[in-house]
């Protein structure tokens, strides 16, 4: 499994895979992987030629700064689990890589769906997800 930190490198690697006619599946996560994540990775490995997993704890998905600080991070364990599951590429960008300086942020409004699931505990959560 190759670990990648920049969009430029990931794009180049995946473009090379596409030129060879390979299909690519993506499993986006915020890390702290559990069986639910791993089942998605296993399905992507089965359904696609190439499996990419992203781990990015997106600060824009948290309305409570303390929630962001205490969000579990276990990159070494996640890497081991992904290698075992057959992931080809792990994309682990920094916040600066994801949110380039000067980039224009779009606004999204999800209406009533933003008031269920994570939206109840983390207002703005879905809007933060949509920014990626």
N, C-alpha and C. Protein backbone atom coordinates (compact mmCIF):
# COMPACT_ATOMS: atom_id res chain seq x y z
N UNK A 1 0.85 -1.17 0.00
CA UNK A 1 0.00 0.00 0.00
C UNK A 1 0.90 1.23 0.00
N UNK A 2 0.57 2.17 -0.87
CA UNK A 2 1.32 3.42 -0.94
C UNK A 2 0.55 4.50 -0.20
N UNK A 3 1.25 5.24 0.66
CA UNK A 3 0.65 6.34 1.40
C UNK A 3 1.00 7.64 0.69
N UNK A 4 -0.04 8.44 0.43
CA UNK A 4 0.11 9.66 -0.36
C UNK A 4 -0.43 10.83 0.46
N UNK A 5 0.27 11.98 0.39
CA UNK A 5 -0.14 13.14 1.18
C UNK A 5 -0.62 14.32 0.35
N UNK A 6 -0.40 14.29 -0.97
CA UNK A 6 -0.79 15.45 -1.78
C UNK A 6 -1.77 15.05 -2.89
N UNK A 7 -2.63 15.99 -3.23
CA UNK A 7 -3.58 15.76 -4.32
C UNK A 7 -2.84 15.54 -5.63
N UNK A 8 -1.77 16.29 -5.83
CA UNK A 8 -0.99 16.19 -7.07
C UNK A 8 -0.43 14.77 -7.25
N UNK A 9 0.15 14.22 -6.20
CA UNK A 9 0.71 12.87 -6.30
C UNK A 9 -0.39 11.83 -6.50
N UNK A 10 -1.48 11.96 -5.75
CA UNK A 10 -2.57 11.00 -5.88
C UNK A 10 -3.16 11.05 -7.29
N UNK A 11 -3.36 12.25 -7.81
CA UNK A 11 -3.90 12.40 -9.16
C UNK A 11 -2.98 11.72 -10.18
N UNK A 12 -1.68 11.93 -10.06
CA UNK A 12 -0.73 11.32 -11.00
C UNK A 12 -0.78 9.79 -10.92
N UNK A 13 -0.81 9.27 -9.71
CA UNK A 13 -0.85 7.81 -9.54
C UNK A 13 -2.14 7.22 -10.12
N UNK A 14 -3.27 7.88 -9.83
CA UNK A 14 -4.55 7.35 -10.30
C UNK A 14 -4.72 7.54 -11.81
N UNK A 15 -4.17 8.63 -12.35
CA UNK A 15 -4.20 8.81 -13.80
C UNK A 15 -3.45 7.67 -14.49
N UNK A 16 -2.31 7.27 -13.92
CA UNK A 16 -1.54 6.15 -14.49
C UNK A 16 -2.34 4.85 -14.43
N UNK A 17 -3.10 4.65 -13.36
CA UNK A 17 -3.94 3.46 -13.25
C UNK A 17 -5.08 3.50 -14.28
N UNK A 18 -5.67 4.67 -14.47
CA UNK A 18 -6.77 4.82 -15.44
C UNK A 18 -6.30 4.57 -16.87
N UNK A 19 -5.09 5.02 -17.18
CA UNK A 19 -4.53 4.81 -18.52
C UNK A 19 -4.44 3.31 -18.82
N UNK A 20 -4.23 2.53 -17.80
CA UNK A 20 -4.17 1.07 -17.95
C UNK A 20 -5.56 0.44 -17.94
N UNK A 21 -6.59 1.28 -17.88
CA UNK A 21 -7.96 0.78 -17.91
C UNK A 21 -8.48 0.28 -16.59
N UNK A 22 -7.81 0.60 -15.51
CA UNK A 22 -8.22 0.10 -14.20
C UNK A 22 -9.35 0.94 -13.60
N UNK A 23 -10.26 0.27 -12.91
CA UNK A 23 -11.33 0.96 -12.20
C UNK A 23 -10.84 1.29 -10.79
N UNK A 24 -11.39 2.39 -10.25
CA UNK A 24 -10.91 2.89 -8.96
C UNK A 24 -12.09 3.11 -8.03
N UNK A 25 -11.99 2.54 -6.84
CA UNK A 25 -13.01 2.74 -5.80
C UNK A 25 -12.42 3.55 -4.66
N UNK A 26 -13.21 4.48 -4.11
CA UNK A 26 -12.77 5.34 -3.02
C UNK A 26 -13.63 5.10 -1.78
N UNK A 27 -12.96 4.97 -0.64
CA UNK A 27 -13.64 4.90 0.66
C UNK A 27 -13.15 6.08 1.49
N UNK A 28 -13.94 7.15 1.57
CA UNK A 28 -13.52 8.32 2.36
C UNK A 28 -13.82 8.10 3.84
N UNK A 29 -12.84 8.40 4.70
CA UNK A 29 -13.03 8.23 6.14
C UNK A 29 -12.36 9.37 6.90
N UNK A 30 -12.62 9.40 8.19
CA UNK A 30 -11.89 10.29 9.09
C UNK A 30 -11.00 9.46 10.01
N UNK A 31 -10.69 8.24 9.58
CA UNK A 31 -9.81 7.40 10.37
C UNK A 31 -10.52 6.74 11.54
N UNK A 32 -9.72 6.27 12.50
CA UNK A 32 -10.24 5.50 13.63
C UNK A 32 -11.13 4.39 13.08
N UNK A 33 -10.55 3.63 12.15
CA UNK A 33 -11.30 2.65 11.38
C UNK A 33 -11.89 1.55 12.25
N UNK A 34 -13.10 1.14 11.88
CA UNK A 34 -13.79 0.06 12.57
C UNK A 34 -14.34 -0.91 11.52
N UNK A 35 -15.05 -1.93 11.96
CA UNK A 35 -15.54 -2.96 11.06
C UNK A 35 -16.40 -2.40 9.91
N UNK A 36 -17.18 -1.37 10.19
CA UNK A 36 -17.99 -0.76 9.13
C UNK A 36 -17.13 -0.21 8.02
N UNK A 37 -16.07 0.52 8.39
CA UNK A 37 -15.14 1.03 7.39
C UNK A 37 -14.50 -0.12 6.62
N UNK A 38 -14.04 -1.11 7.37
CA UNK A 38 -13.31 -2.21 6.74
C UNK A 38 -14.20 -3.01 5.80
N UNK A 39 -15.48 -3.10 6.09
CA UNK A 39 -16.38 -3.80 5.17
C UNK A 39 -16.50 -3.02 3.87
N UNK A 40 -16.48 -1.69 3.94
CA UNK A 40 -16.48 -0.87 2.72
C UNK A 40 -15.19 -1.04 1.94
N UNK A 41 -14.07 -1.11 2.63
CA UNK A 41 -12.78 -1.33 1.97
C UNK A 41 -12.77 -2.69 1.29
N UNK A 42 -13.21 -3.71 2.00
CA UNK A 42 -13.24 -5.06 1.42
C UNK A 42 -14.13 -5.11 0.18
N UNK A 43 -15.26 -4.40 0.21
CA UNK A 43 -16.15 -4.35 -0.95
C UNK A 43 -15.48 -3.62 -2.11
N UNK A 44 -14.79 -2.53 -1.82
CA UNK A 44 -14.08 -1.79 -2.87
C UNK A 44 -12.97 -2.64 -3.48
N UNK A 45 -12.26 -3.40 -2.66
CA UNK A 45 -11.21 -4.28 -3.17
C UNK A 45 -11.81 -5.33 -4.10
N UNK A 46 -12.98 -5.82 -3.75
CA UNK A 46 -13.65 -6.83 -4.55
C UNK A 46 -14.21 -6.25 -5.86
N UNK A 47 -14.79 -5.05 -5.79
CA UNK A 47 -15.51 -4.48 -6.93
C UNK A 47 -14.64 -3.67 -7.90
N UNK A 48 -13.48 -3.21 -7.46
CA UNK A 48 -12.64 -2.34 -8.28
C UNK A 48 -11.23 -2.91 -8.39
N UNK A 49 -10.53 -2.48 -9.43
CA UNK A 49 -9.14 -2.90 -9.60
C UNK A 49 -8.24 -2.24 -8.56
N UNK A 50 -8.55 -1.00 -8.23
CA UNK A 50 -7.75 -0.21 -7.30
C UNK A 50 -8.65 0.31 -6.19
N UNK A 51 -8.19 0.16 -4.95
CA UNK A 51 -8.92 0.68 -3.79
C UNK A 51 -8.12 1.82 -3.17
N UNK A 52 -8.77 2.98 -3.05
CA UNK A 52 -8.19 4.15 -2.40
C UNK A 52 -9.00 4.43 -1.15
N UNK A 53 -8.31 4.66 -0.04
CA UNK A 53 -8.97 5.08 1.19
C UNK A 53 -8.38 6.43 1.56
N UNK A 54 -9.24 7.36 1.94
CA UNK A 54 -8.74 8.64 2.45
C UNK A 54 -9.00 8.70 3.95
N UNK A 55 -8.03 9.27 4.64
CA UNK A 55 -8.19 9.56 6.06
C UNK A 55 -7.91 11.05 6.23
N UNK A 56 -8.96 11.76 6.59
CA UNK A 56 -8.84 13.20 6.82
C UNK A 56 -9.86 13.60 7.87
N UNK A 57 -9.38 14.04 9.02
CA UNK A 57 -10.26 14.54 10.06
C UNK A 57 -10.58 15.98 9.68
N UNK A 58 -11.76 16.16 9.12
CA UNK A 58 -12.17 17.42 8.53
C UNK A 58 -12.68 18.39 9.61
N UNK A 59 -11.92 19.43 9.91
CA UNK A 59 -12.35 20.35 10.97
C UNK A 59 -13.67 21.05 10.66
N UNK A 60 -14.02 21.13 9.39
CA UNK A 60 -15.26 21.82 9.01
C UNK A 60 -16.50 20.97 9.29
N UNK A 61 -16.30 19.72 9.71
CA UNK A 61 -17.43 18.87 10.07
C UNK A 61 -17.75 18.93 11.56
N UNK A 62 -17.01 19.75 12.29
CA UNK A 62 -17.18 19.84 13.74
C UNK A 62 -17.58 21.26 14.13
N UNK A 63 -18.71 21.39 14.80
CA UNK A 63 -19.10 22.71 15.28
C UNK A 63 -18.52 22.99 16.67
N UNK A 64 -18.10 21.94 17.36
CA UNK A 64 -17.55 22.06 18.70
C UNK A 64 -16.04 21.82 18.64
N UNK A 65 -15.24 22.83 18.91
CA UNK A 65 -13.78 22.66 18.83
C UNK A 65 -13.26 21.52 19.71
N UNK A 66 -13.88 21.30 20.87
CA UNK A 66 -13.43 20.23 21.75
C UNK A 66 -13.71 18.86 21.13
N UNK A 67 -14.80 18.74 20.41
CA UNK A 67 -15.14 17.49 19.71
C UNK A 67 -14.04 17.16 18.69
N UNK A 68 -13.56 18.17 18.00
CA UNK A 68 -12.47 17.97 17.03
C UNK A 68 -11.19 17.54 17.74
N UNK A 69 -10.88 18.18 18.84
CA UNK A 69 -9.66 17.86 19.59
C UNK A 69 -9.69 16.42 20.09
N UNK A 70 -10.84 15.97 20.55
CA UNK A 70 -10.93 14.63 21.15
C UNK A 70 -11.28 13.54 20.15
N UNK A 71 -11.48 13.91 18.88
CA UNK A 71 -11.80 12.88 17.88
C UNK A 71 -10.65 11.88 17.83
N UNK A 72 -10.93 10.59 17.86
CA UNK A 72 -9.84 9.60 17.91
C UNK A 72 -9.00 9.59 16.64
N UNK A 73 -7.70 9.52 16.86
CA UNK A 73 -6.75 9.42 15.75
C UNK A 73 -5.79 8.29 16.06
N UNK A 74 -5.71 7.33 15.16
CA UNK A 74 -4.85 6.16 15.36
C UNK A 74 -4.24 5.73 14.02
N UNK A 75 -3.44 6.62 13.41
CA UNK A 75 -2.96 6.34 12.05
C UNK A 75 -2.17 5.04 11.91
N UNK A 76 -1.34 4.70 12.87
CA UNK A 76 -0.54 3.48 12.75
C UNK A 76 -1.45 2.25 12.68
N UNK A 77 -2.46 2.21 13.55
CA UNK A 77 -3.40 1.09 13.55
C UNK A 77 -4.22 1.07 12.26
N UNK A 78 -4.66 2.25 11.81
CA UNK A 78 -5.42 2.33 10.57
C UNK A 78 -4.61 1.81 9.39
N UNK A 79 -3.34 2.17 9.33
CA UNK A 79 -2.47 1.72 8.24
C UNK A 79 -2.37 0.20 8.24
N UNK A 80 -2.17 -0.39 9.41
CA UNK A 80 -2.08 -1.85 9.50
C UNK A 80 -3.37 -2.51 9.02
N UNK A 81 -4.51 -1.97 9.44
CA UNK A 81 -5.80 -2.54 9.04
C UNK A 81 -6.00 -2.44 7.53
N UNK A 82 -5.63 -1.31 6.95
CA UNK A 82 -5.82 -1.11 5.51
C UNK A 82 -4.89 -2.00 4.69
N UNK A 83 -3.66 -2.16 5.16
CA UNK A 83 -2.75 -3.07 4.46
C UNK A 83 -3.31 -4.49 4.46
N UNK A 84 -3.80 -4.92 5.60
CA UNK A 84 -4.38 -6.27 5.73
C UNK A 84 -5.61 -6.43 4.84
N UNK A 85 -6.40 -5.34 4.69
CA UNK A 85 -7.63 -5.40 3.89
C UNK A 85 -7.38 -5.31 2.39
N UNK A 86 -6.15 -4.99 1.98
CA UNK A 86 -5.84 -4.96 0.55
C UNK A 86 -5.94 -3.61 -0.12
N UNK A 87 -5.97 -2.54 0.66
CA UNK A 87 -6.02 -1.17 0.11
C UNK A 87 -4.75 -0.92 -0.71
N UNK A 88 -4.90 -0.27 -1.86
CA UNK A 88 -3.75 0.06 -2.71
C UNK A 88 -3.11 1.40 -2.37
N UNK A 89 -3.97 2.41 -2.16
CA UNK A 89 -3.48 3.76 -1.87
C UNK A 89 -4.21 4.34 -0.66
N UNK A 90 -3.45 4.93 0.24
CA UNK A 90 -4.01 5.64 1.37
C UNK A 90 -3.68 7.11 1.20
N UNK A 91 -4.70 7.93 1.10
CA UNK A 91 -4.54 9.38 0.95
C UNK A 91 -4.73 10.01 2.31
N UNK A 92 -3.66 10.61 2.85
CA UNK A 92 -3.67 11.24 4.18
C UNK A 92 -3.19 12.69 4.05
N UNK A 93 -4.04 13.58 3.57
CA UNK A 93 -3.62 14.96 3.39
C UNK A 93 -3.66 15.77 4.69
N UNK A 94 -2.95 16.88 4.68
CA UNK A 94 -3.04 17.84 5.77
C UNK A 94 -4.22 18.76 5.52
N UNK A 95 -4.60 19.52 6.53
CA UNK A 95 -5.67 20.50 6.35
C UNK A 95 -5.29 21.53 5.29
N UNK A 96 -4.02 21.94 5.27
CA UNK A 96 -3.56 22.92 4.29
C UNK A 96 -3.64 22.37 2.87
N UNK A 97 -3.42 21.08 2.72
CA UNK A 97 -3.51 20.46 1.40
C UNK A 97 -4.96 20.43 0.91
N UNK A 98 -5.87 20.14 1.80
CA UNK A 98 -7.28 20.04 1.42
C UNK A 98 -7.89 21.42 1.18
N UNK A 99 -7.62 22.33 2.08
CA UNK A 99 -8.20 23.68 1.98
C UNK A 99 -7.10 24.66 1.59
N UNK A 100 -6.85 24.73 0.29
CA UNK A 100 -5.79 25.61 -0.21
C UNK A 100 -6.10 27.06 0.11
N UNK A 101 -5.07 27.80 0.45
CA UNK A 101 -5.24 29.22 0.76
C UNK A 101 -5.77 29.95 -0.47
N UNK A 102 -6.79 30.75 -0.24
CA UNK A 102 -7.38 31.53 -1.33
C UNK A 102 -8.48 30.83 -2.09
N UNK A 103 -8.68 29.55 -1.82
CA UNK A 103 -9.75 28.81 -2.53
C UNK A 103 -11.11 29.32 -2.07
N UNK A 104 -12.03 29.41 -2.97
CA UNK A 104 -13.38 29.89 -2.66
C UNK A 104 -14.20 28.72 -2.13
N UNK A 105 -14.79 28.91 -0.94
CA UNK A 105 -15.64 27.88 -0.36
C UNK A 105 -17.07 28.04 -0.85
N UNK A 106 -17.67 26.94 -1.20
CA UNK A 106 -19.07 26.95 -1.60
C UNK A 106 -19.94 26.69 -0.38
N UNK A 107 -21.16 27.15 -0.43
CA UNK A 107 -22.12 26.89 0.64
C UNK A 107 -23.14 25.88 0.18
N UNK A 108 -23.49 24.99 1.09
CA UNK A 108 -24.49 23.97 0.82
C UNK A 108 -25.54 24.03 1.91
N UNK A 109 -26.77 23.77 1.54
CA UNK A 109 -27.87 23.74 2.51
C UNK A 109 -28.64 22.44 2.29
N UNK A 110 -28.76 21.65 3.32
CA UNK A 110 -29.36 20.32 3.20
C UNK A 110 -30.77 20.21 3.75
N UNK A 111 -31.30 21.30 4.26
CA UNK A 111 -32.67 21.28 4.76
C UNK A 111 -32.83 20.29 5.90
N UNK A 112 -33.99 19.60 5.94
CA UNK A 112 -34.31 18.73 7.08
C UNK A 112 -33.34 17.57 7.28
N UNK A 113 -32.69 17.10 6.22
CA UNK A 113 -31.77 15.97 6.40
C UNK A 113 -30.59 16.35 7.29
N UNK A 114 -30.26 17.63 7.35
CA UNK A 114 -29.16 18.09 8.19
C UNK A 114 -29.52 18.07 9.67
N UNK A 115 -30.75 17.73 9.98
CA UNK A 115 -31.20 17.70 11.37
C UNK A 115 -31.38 16.28 11.90
N UNK A 116 -30.82 15.30 11.19
CA UNK A 116 -30.86 13.90 11.64
C UNK A 116 -29.43 13.37 11.71
N UNK A 117 -29.29 12.18 12.22
CA UNK A 117 -28.01 11.50 12.37
C UNK A 117 -26.96 12.44 12.96
N UNK A 118 -25.82 12.61 12.30
CA UNK A 118 -24.76 13.46 12.82
C UNK A 118 -25.19 14.92 12.91
N UNK A 119 -26.15 15.32 12.09
CA UNK A 119 -26.61 16.70 12.09
C UNK A 119 -27.19 17.14 13.42
N UNK A 120 -27.72 16.20 14.19
CA UNK A 120 -28.29 16.52 15.50
C UNK A 120 -27.17 16.94 16.47
N UNK A 121 -26.09 16.17 16.50
CA UNK A 121 -25.00 16.42 17.44
C UNK A 121 -23.99 17.44 16.92
N UNK A 122 -23.88 17.50 15.61
CA UNK A 122 -22.87 18.37 15.00
C UNK A 122 -23.51 19.25 13.94
N UNK A 123 -24.20 20.31 14.34
CA UNK A 123 -24.76 21.21 13.32
C UNK A 123 -23.66 21.66 12.36
N UNK A 124 -23.97 21.64 11.08
CA UNK A 124 -22.97 22.00 10.08
C UNK A 124 -22.16 20.83 9.57
N UNK A 125 -22.35 19.65 10.16
CA UNK A 125 -21.58 18.47 9.79
C UNK A 125 -21.69 18.16 8.30
N UNK A 126 -22.92 18.09 7.79
CA UNK A 126 -23.10 17.71 6.39
C UNK A 126 -22.55 18.78 5.45
N UNK A 127 -22.66 20.04 5.83
CA UNK A 127 -22.10 21.10 5.01
C UNK A 127 -20.58 20.94 4.92
N UNK A 128 -19.95 20.56 6.04
CA UNK A 128 -18.51 20.33 6.05
C UNK A 128 -18.12 19.16 5.17
N UNK A 129 -18.92 18.10 5.19
CA UNK A 129 -18.66 16.93 4.34
C UNK A 129 -18.72 17.34 2.87
N UNK A 130 -19.69 18.16 2.52
CA UNK A 130 -19.91 18.54 1.12
C UNK A 130 -18.77 19.40 0.58
N UNK A 131 -18.02 20.05 1.44
CA UNK A 131 -16.93 20.90 0.97
C UNK A 131 -15.80 20.11 0.34
N UNK A 132 -15.67 18.85 0.70
CA UNK A 132 -14.55 18.06 0.17
C UNK A 132 -14.77 17.65 -1.24
